[in-house]
PDB file of N, CA and C in Angstrom:
ATOM      1  N   MET A   1      16.786 -23.309   5.967  1.00  0.00           N
ATOM      2  CA  MET A   1      16.917 -23.012   7.383  1.00  0.00           C
ATOM      3  C   MET A   1      15.746 -23.610   8.167  1.00  0.00           C
ATOM      4  N   LYS A   2      14.538 -23.567   7.588  1.00  0.00           N
ATOM      5  CA  LYS A   2      13.373 -24.106   8.292  1.00  0.00           C
ATOM      6  C   LYS A   2      13.516 -25.592   8.556  1.00  0.00           C
ATOM      7  N   LYS A   3      14.048 -26.324   7.583  1.00  0.00           N
ATOM      8  CA  LYS A   3      14.191 -27.779   7.727  1.00  0.00           C
ATOM      9  C   LYS A   3      15.220 -28.123   8.804  1.00  0.00           C
ATOM     10  N   VAL A   4      16.344 -27.409   8.809  1.00  0.00           N
ATOM     11  CA  VAL A   4      17.379 -27.655   9.808  1.00  0.00           C
ATOM     12  C   VAL A   4      16.831 -27.342  11.197  1.00  0.00           C
ATOM     13  N   PHE A   5      16.170 -26.201  11.325  1.00  0.00           N
ATOM     14  CA  PHE A   5      15.593 -25.831  12.612  1.00  0.00           C
ATOM     15  C   PHE A   5      14.610 -26.890  13.083  1.00  0.00           C
ATOM     16  N   GLY A   6      13.711 -27.308  12.214  1.00  0.00           N
ATOM     17  CA  GLY A   6      12.706 -28.310  12.571  1.00  0.00           C
ATOM     18  C   GLY A   6      13.319 -29.613  13.032  1.00  0.00           C
ATOM     19  N   LYS A   7      14.348 -30.053  12.325  1.00  0.00           N
ATOM     20  CA  LYS A   7      15.020 -31.301  12.684  1.00  0.00           C
ATOM     21  C   LYS A   7      15.687 -31.177  14.045  1.00  0.00           C
ATOM     22  N   ARG A   8      16.388 -30.086  14.271  1.00  0.00           N
ATOM     23  CA  ARG A   8      17.086 -29.906  15.548  1.00  0.00           C
ATOM     24  C   ARG A   8      16.117 -29.732  16.709  1.00  0.00           C
ATOM     25  N   LEU A   9      15.040 -29.014  16.474  1.00  0.00           N
ATOM     26  CA  LEU A   9      14.040 -28.832  17.523  1.00  0.00           C
ATOM     27  C   LEU A   9      13.452 -30.176  17.931  1.00  0.00           C
ATOM     28  N   LYS A  10      13.088 -30.980  16.959  1.00  0.00           N
ATOM     29  CA  LYS A  10      12.497 -32.285  17.263  1.00  0.00           C
ATOM     30  C   LYS A  10      13.493 -33.173  18.006  1.00  0.00           C
ATOM     31  N   GLU A  11      14.750 -33.186  17.555  1.00  0.00           N
ATOM     32  CA  GLU A  11      15.771 -33.989  18.225  1.00  0.00           C
ATOM     33  C   GLU A  11      15.929 -33.565  19.690  1.00  0.00           C
ATOM     34  N   LEU A  12      16.019 -32.265  19.923  1.00  0.00           N
ATOM     35  CA  LEU A  12      16.179 -31.761  21.289  1.00  0.00           C
ATOM     36  C   LEU A  12      14.958 -32.074  22.143  1.00  0.00           C
ATOM     37  N   ARG A  13      13.788 -31.917  21.549  1.00  0.00           N
ATOM     38  CA  ARG A  13      12.549 -32.199  22.285  1.00  0.00           C
ATOM     39  C   ARG A  13      12.497 -33.661  22.719  1.00  0.00           C
ATOM     40  N   LEU A  14      12.796 -34.559  21.786  1.00  0.00           N
ATOM     41  CA  LEU A  14      12.740 -35.989  22.095  1.00  0.00           C
ATOM     42  C   LEU A  14      13.841 -36.400  23.063  1.00  0.00           C
ATOM     43  N   GLN A  15      15.044 -35.836  22.904  1.00  0.00           N
ATOM     44  CA  GLN A  15      16.142 -36.147  23.829  1.00  0.00           C
ATOM     45  C   GLN A  15      15.798 -35.753  25.259  1.00  0.00           C
ATOM     46  N   ASN A  16      14.959 -34.741  25.393  1.00  0.00           N
ATOM     47  CA  ASN A  16      14.573 -34.259  26.716  1.00  0.00           C
ATOM     48  C   ASN A  16      13.237 -34.816  27.187  1.00  0.00           C
ATOM     49  N   GLY A  17      12.700 -35.770  26.447  1.00  0.00           N
ATOM     50  CA  GLY A  17      11.480 -36.455  26.858  1.00  0.00           C
ATOM     51  C   GLY A  17      10.244 -35.575  26.896  1.00  0.00           C
ATOM     52  N   LEU A  18      10.180 -34.601  25.994  1.00  0.00           N
ATOM     53  CA  LEU A  18       9.046 -33.674  25.978  1.00  0.00           C
ATOM     54  C   LEU A  18       8.095 -33.975  24.829  1.00  0.00           C
ATOM     55  N   THR A  19       6.815 -33.891  25.105  1.00  0.00           N
ATOM     56  CA  THR A  19       5.818 -33.928  24.039  1.00  0.00           C
ATOM     57  C   THR A  19       5.740 -32.517  23.448  1.00  0.00           C
ATOM     58  N   GLN A  20       5.070 -32.395  22.331  1.00  0.00           N
ATOM     59  CA  GLN A  20       4.868 -31.067  21.758  1.00  0.00           C
ATOM     60  C   GLN A  20       4.076 -30.194  22.715  1.00  0.00           C
ATOM     61  N   GLN A  21       3.117 -30.773  23.410  1.00  0.00           N
ATOM     62  CA  GLN A  21       2.312 -30.016  24.365  1.00  0.00           C
ATOM     63  C   GLN A  21       3.167 -29.495  25.525  1.00  0.00           C
ATOM     64  N   LYS A  22       4.030 -30.359  26.050  1.00  0.00           N
ATOM     65  CA  LYS A  22       4.877 -29.947  27.175  1.00  0.00           C
ATOM     66  C   LYS A  22       5.884 -28.889  26.758  1.00  0.00           C
ATOM     67  N   LEU A  23       6.433 -29.038  25.562  1.00  0.00           N
ATOM     68  CA  LEU A  23       7.370 -28.027  25.063  1.00  0.00           C
ATOM     69  C   LEU A  23       6.661 -26.690  24.897  1.00  0.00           C
ATOM     70  N   ALA A  24       5.469 -26.722  24.333  1.00  0.00           N
ATOM     71  CA  ALA A  24       4.698 -25.490  24.143  1.00  0.00           C
ATOM     72  C   ALA A  24       4.480 -24.783  25.475  1.00  0.00           C
ATOM     73  N   ALA A  25       4.148 -25.539  26.505  1.00  0.00           N
ATOM     74  CA  ALA A  25       3.922 -24.947  27.824  1.00  0.00           C
ATOM     75  C   ALA A  25       5.207 -24.332  28.377  1.00  0.00           C
ATOM     76  N   LYS A  26       6.320 -25.005  28.196  1.00  0.00           N
ATOM     77  CA  LYS A  26       7.591 -24.516  28.734  1.00  0.00           C
ATOM     78  C   LYS A  26       8.073 -23.239  28.046  1.00  0.00           C
ATOM     79  N   ILE A  27       7.747 -23.083  26.759  1.00  0.00           N
ATOM     80  CA  ILE A  27       8.206 -21.883  26.042  1.00  0.00           C
ATOM     81  C   ILE A  27       7.075 -20.863  25.864  1.00  0.00           C
ATOM     82  N   LEU A  28       5.988 -21.097  26.606  1.00  0.00           N
ATOM     83  CA  LEU A  28       4.861 -20.153  26.663  1.00  0.00           C
ATOM     84  C   LEU A  28       4.180 -19.931  25.316  1.00  0.00           C
ATOM     85  N   ILE A  29       3.930 -21.048  24.627  1.00  0.00           N
ATOM     86  CA  ILE A  29       3.197 -21.023  23.359  1.00  0.00           C
ATOM     87  C   ILE A  29       1.811 -21.603  23.616  1.00  0.00           C
ATOM     88  N   ARG A  30       0.789 -20.946  23.139  1.00  0.00           N
ATOM     89  CA  ARG A  30      -0.589 -21.391  23.411  1.00  0.00           C
ATOM     90  C   ARG A  30      -0.972 -22.659  22.671  1.00  0.00           C
ATOM     91  N   HIS A  31      -0.518 -22.795  21.432  1.00  0.00           N
ATOM     92  CA  HIS A  31      -0.968 -23.912  20.595  1.00  0.00           C
ATOM     93  C   HIS A  31       0.203 -24.828  20.255  1.00  0.00           C
ATOM     94  N   HIS A  32       0.114 -26.075  20.696  1.00  0.00           N
ATOM     95  CA  HIS A  32       1.196 -27.006  20.405  1.00  0.00           C
ATOM     96  C   HIS A  32       1.293 -27.317  18.913  1.00  0.00           C
ATOM     97  N   SER A  33       0.253 -26.986  18.158  1.00  0.00           N
ATOM     98  CA  SER A  33       0.318 -27.209  16.708  1.00  0.00           C
ATOM     99  C   SER A  33       1.417 -26.365  16.067  1.00  0.00           C
ATOM    100  N   SER A  34       1.782 -25.265  16.708  1.00  0.00           N
ATOM    101  CA  SER A  34       2.896 -24.451  16.210  1.00  0.00           C
ATOM    102  C   SER A  34       4.190 -25.253  16.233  1.00  0.00           C
ATOM    103  N   ILE A  35       4.378 -26.052  17.283  1.00  0.00           N
ATOM    104  CA  ILE A  35       5.580 -26.882  17.395  1.00  0.00           C
ATOM    105  C   ILE A  35       5.642 -27.855  16.222  1.00  0.00           C
ATOM    106  N   GLY A  36       4.519 -28.468  15.911  1.00  0.00           N
ATOM    107  CA  GLY A  36       4.458 -29.404  14.792  1.00  0.00           C
ATOM    108  C   GLY A  36       4.796 -28.738  13.469  1.00  0.00           C
ATOM    109  N   ALA A  37       4.303 -27.526  13.275  1.00  0.00           N
ATOM    110  CA  ALA A  37       4.594 -26.786  12.039  1.00  0.00           C
ATOM    111  C   ALA A  37       6.077 -26.423  11.962  1.00  0.00           C
ATOM    112  N   TRP A  38       6.669 -26.081  13.088  1.00  0.00           N
ATOM    113  CA  TRP A  38       8.105 -25.767  13.096  1.00  0.00           C
ATOM    114  C   TRP A  38       8.911 -27.016  12.789  1.00  0.00           C
ATOM    115  N   GLU A  39       8.552 -28.134  13.434  1.00  0.00           N
ATOM    116  CA  GLU A  39       9.296 -29.375  13.219  1.00  0.00           C
ATOM    117  C   GLU A  39       9.157 -29.877  11.781  1.00  0.00           C
ATOM    118  N   ALA A  40       8.046 -29.595  11.155  1.00  0.00           N
ATOM    119  CA  ALA A  40       7.828 -30.015   9.767  1.00  0.00           C
ATOM    120  C   ALA A  40       8.476 -29.059   8.768  1.00  0.00           C
ATOM    121  N   GLY A  41       9.033 -27.957   9.256  1.00  0.00           N
ATOM    122  CA  GLY A  41       9.669 -26.997   8.360  1.00  0.00           C
ATOM    123  C   GLY A  41       8.701 -26.104   7.631  1.00  0.00           C
ATOM    124  N   ILE A  42       7.489 -25.972   8.159  1.00  0.00           N
ATOM    125  CA  ILE A  42       6.465 -25.146   7.523  1.00  0.00           C
ATOM    126  C   ILE A  42       6.589 -23.689   7.955  1.00  0.00           C
ATOM    127  N   ASN A  43       6.819 -23.482   9.235  1.00  0.00           N
ATOM    128  CA  ASN A  43       6.940 -22.137   9.805  1.00  0.00           C
ATOM    129  C   ASN A  43       8.160 -22.056  10.695  1.00  0.00           C
ATOM    130  N   MET A  44       8.465 -20.837  11.096  1.00  0.00           N
ATOM    131  CA  MET A  44       9.555 -20.581  12.041  1.00  0.00           C
ATOM    132  C   MET A  44       9.013 -19.723  13.171  1.00  0.00           C
ATOM    133  N   PRO A  45       9.548 -19.899  14.380  1.00  0.00           N
ATOM    134  CA  PRO A  45       9.122 -19.038  15.484  1.00  0.00           C
ATOM    135  C   PRO A  45       9.748 -17.654  15.350  1.00  0.00           C
ATOM    136  N   GLY A  46       9.180 -16.699  16.049  1.00  0.00           N
ATOM    137  CA  GLY A  46       9.766 -15.372  16.109  1.00  0.00           C
ATOM    138  C   GLY A  46      11.041 -15.398  16.939  1.00  0.00           C
ATOM    139  N   SER A  47      11.780 -14.315  16.883  1.00  0.00           N
ATOM    140  CA  SER A  47      13.074 -14.272  17.572  1.00  0.00           C
ATOM    141  C   SER A  47      12.945 -14.430  19.083  1.00  0.00           C
ATOM    142  N   ASP A  48      11.870 -13.912  19.667  1.00  0.00           N
ATOM    143  CA  ASP A  48      11.689 -14.050  21.110  1.00  0.00           C
ATOM    144  C   ASP A  48      11.477 -15.508  21.511  1.00  0.00           C
ATOM    145  N   VAL A  49      10.694 -16.220  20.745  1.00  0.00           N
ATOM    146  CA  VAL A  49      10.438 -17.640  21.033  1.00  0.00           C
ATOM    147  C   VAL A  49      11.688 -18.461  20.722  1.00  0.00           C
ATOM    148  N   LEU A  50      12.379 -18.117  19.659  1.00  0.00           N
ATOM    149  CA  LEU A  50      13.620 -18.806  19.317  1.00  0.00           C
ATOM    150  C   LEU A  50      14.614 -18.709  20.476  1.00  0.00           C
ATOM    151  N   ALA A  51      14.707 -17.551  21.081  1.00  0.00           N
ATOM    152  CA  ALA A  51      15.600 -17.351  22.226  1.00  0.00           C
ATOM    153  C   ALA A  51      15.154 -18.202  23.421  1.00  0.00           C
ATOM    154  N   ARG A  52      13.853 -18.309  23.652  1.00  0.00           N
ATOM    155  CA  ARG A  52      13.354 -19.138  24.765  1.00  0.00           C
ATOM    156  C   ARG A  52      13.672 -20.616  24.534  1.00  0.00           C
ATOM    157  N   ILE A  53      13.568 -21.054  23.285  1.00  0.00           N
ATOM    158  CA  ILE A  53      13.898 -22.449  22.955  1.00  0.00           C
ATOM    159  C   ILE A  53      15.383 -22.696  23.200  1.00  0.00           C
ATOM    160  N   ALA A  54      16.224 -21.785  22.746  1.00  0.00           N
ATOM    161  CA  ALA A  54      17.672 -21.919  22.946  1.00  0.00           C
ATOM    162  C   ALA A  54      18.004 -21.970  24.434  1.00  0.00           C
ATOM    163  N   ASP A  55      17.392 -21.111  25.215  1.00  0.00           N
ATOM    164  CA  ASP A  55      17.626 -21.094  26.655  1.00  0.00           C
ATOM    165  C   ASP A  55      17.176 -22.401  27.307  1.00  0.00           C
ATOM    166  N   LEU A  56      16.012 -22.882  26.925  1.00  0.00           N
ATOM    167  CA  LEU A  56      15.477 -24.110  27.499  1.00  0.00           C
ATOM    168  C   LEU A  56      16.422 -25.288  27.279  1.00  0.00           C
ATOM    169  N   PHE A  57      16.931 -25.413  26.072  1.00  0.00           N
ATOM    170  CA  PHE A  57      17.778 -26.552  25.732  1.00  0.00           C
ATOM    171  C   PHE A  57      19.271 -26.266  25.890  1.00  0.00           C
ATOM    172  N   ASP A  58      19.601 -25.073  26.358  1.00  0.00           N
ATOM    173  CA  ASP A  58      20.988 -24.678  26.585  1.00  0.00           C
ATOM    174  C   ASP A  58      21.845 -24.833  25.324  1.00  0.00           C
ATOM    175  N   VAL A  59      21.316 -24.318  24.219  1.00  0.00           N
ATOM    176  CA  VAL A  59      22.038 -24.279  22.946  1.00  0.00           C
ATOM    177  C   VAL A  59      21.962 -22.857  22.418  1.00  0.00           C
ATOM    178  N   SER A  60      22.746 -22.567  21.404  1.00  0.00           N
ATOM    179  CA  SER A  60      22.704 -21.228  20.812  1.00  0.00           C
ATOM    180  C   SER A  60      21.609 -21.158  19.753  1.00  0.00           C
ATOM    181  N   THR A  61      21.169 -19.953  19.484  1.00  0.00           N
ATOM    182  CA  THR A  61      20.208 -19.779  18.382  1.00  0.00           C
ATOM    183  C   THR A  61      20.881 -20.131  17.059  1.00  0.00           C
ATOM    184  N   ASP A  62      22.177 -19.871  16.951  1.00  0.00           N
ATOM    185  CA  ASP A  62      22.906 -20.252  15.736  1.00  0.00           C
ATOM    186  C   ASP A  62      22.841 -21.758  15.513  1.00  0.00           C
ATOM    187  N   TYR A  63      22.992 -22.532  16.584  1.00  0.00           N
ATOM    188  CA  TYR A  63      22.890 -23.982  16.462  1.00  0.00           C
ATOM    189  C   TYR A  63      21.499 -24.370  15.962  1.00  0.00           C
ATOM    190  N   LEU A  64      20.473 -23.798  16.558  1.00  0.00           N
ATOM    191  CA  LEU A  64      19.102 -24.129  16.150  1.00  0.00           C
ATOM    192  C   LEU A  64      18.852 -23.813  14.687  1.00  0.00           C
ATOM    193  N   LEU A  65      19.474 -22.751  14.203  1.00  0.00           N
ATOM    194  CA  LEU A  65      19.268 -22.321  12.824  1.00  0.00           C
ATOM    195  C   LEU A  65      20.244 -22.968  11.842  1.00  0.00           C
ATOM    196  N   GLY A  66      21.144 -23.808  12.357  1.00  0.00           N
ATOM    197  CA  GLY A  66      22.098 -24.468  11.478  1.00  0.00           C
ATOM    198  C   GLY A  66      23.245 -23.576  11.059  1.00  0.00           C
ATOM    199  N   ARG A  67      23.566 -22.587  11.886  1.00  0.00           N
ATOM    200  CA  ARG A  67      24.635 -21.642  11.568  1.00  0.00           C
ATOM    201  C   ARG A  67      25.825 -21.831  12.502  1.00  0.00           C
ATOM    202  N   GLU A  68      26.200 -23.061  12.711  1.00  0.00           N
ATOM    203  CA  GLU A  68      27.280 -23.380  13.649  1.00  0.00           C
ATOM    204  C   GLU A  68      28.482 -22.619  13.231  1.00  0.00           C
TER     205      GLU A  68
END
């Protein structure tokens, strides 16, 4: 699940022309290094942040998690 999430997050971020820093600011994350860890499949965000990411990109949390 971490790998699928990371891949989809990176694809959405790049499609929307966002750097990791800009994405972090938009979803109210202090450290953009968290974005890198998520994209690399090392960590996952909490449910509250996952919901903010889904809202930002207008996708479902199921899509982000690979549970289409």
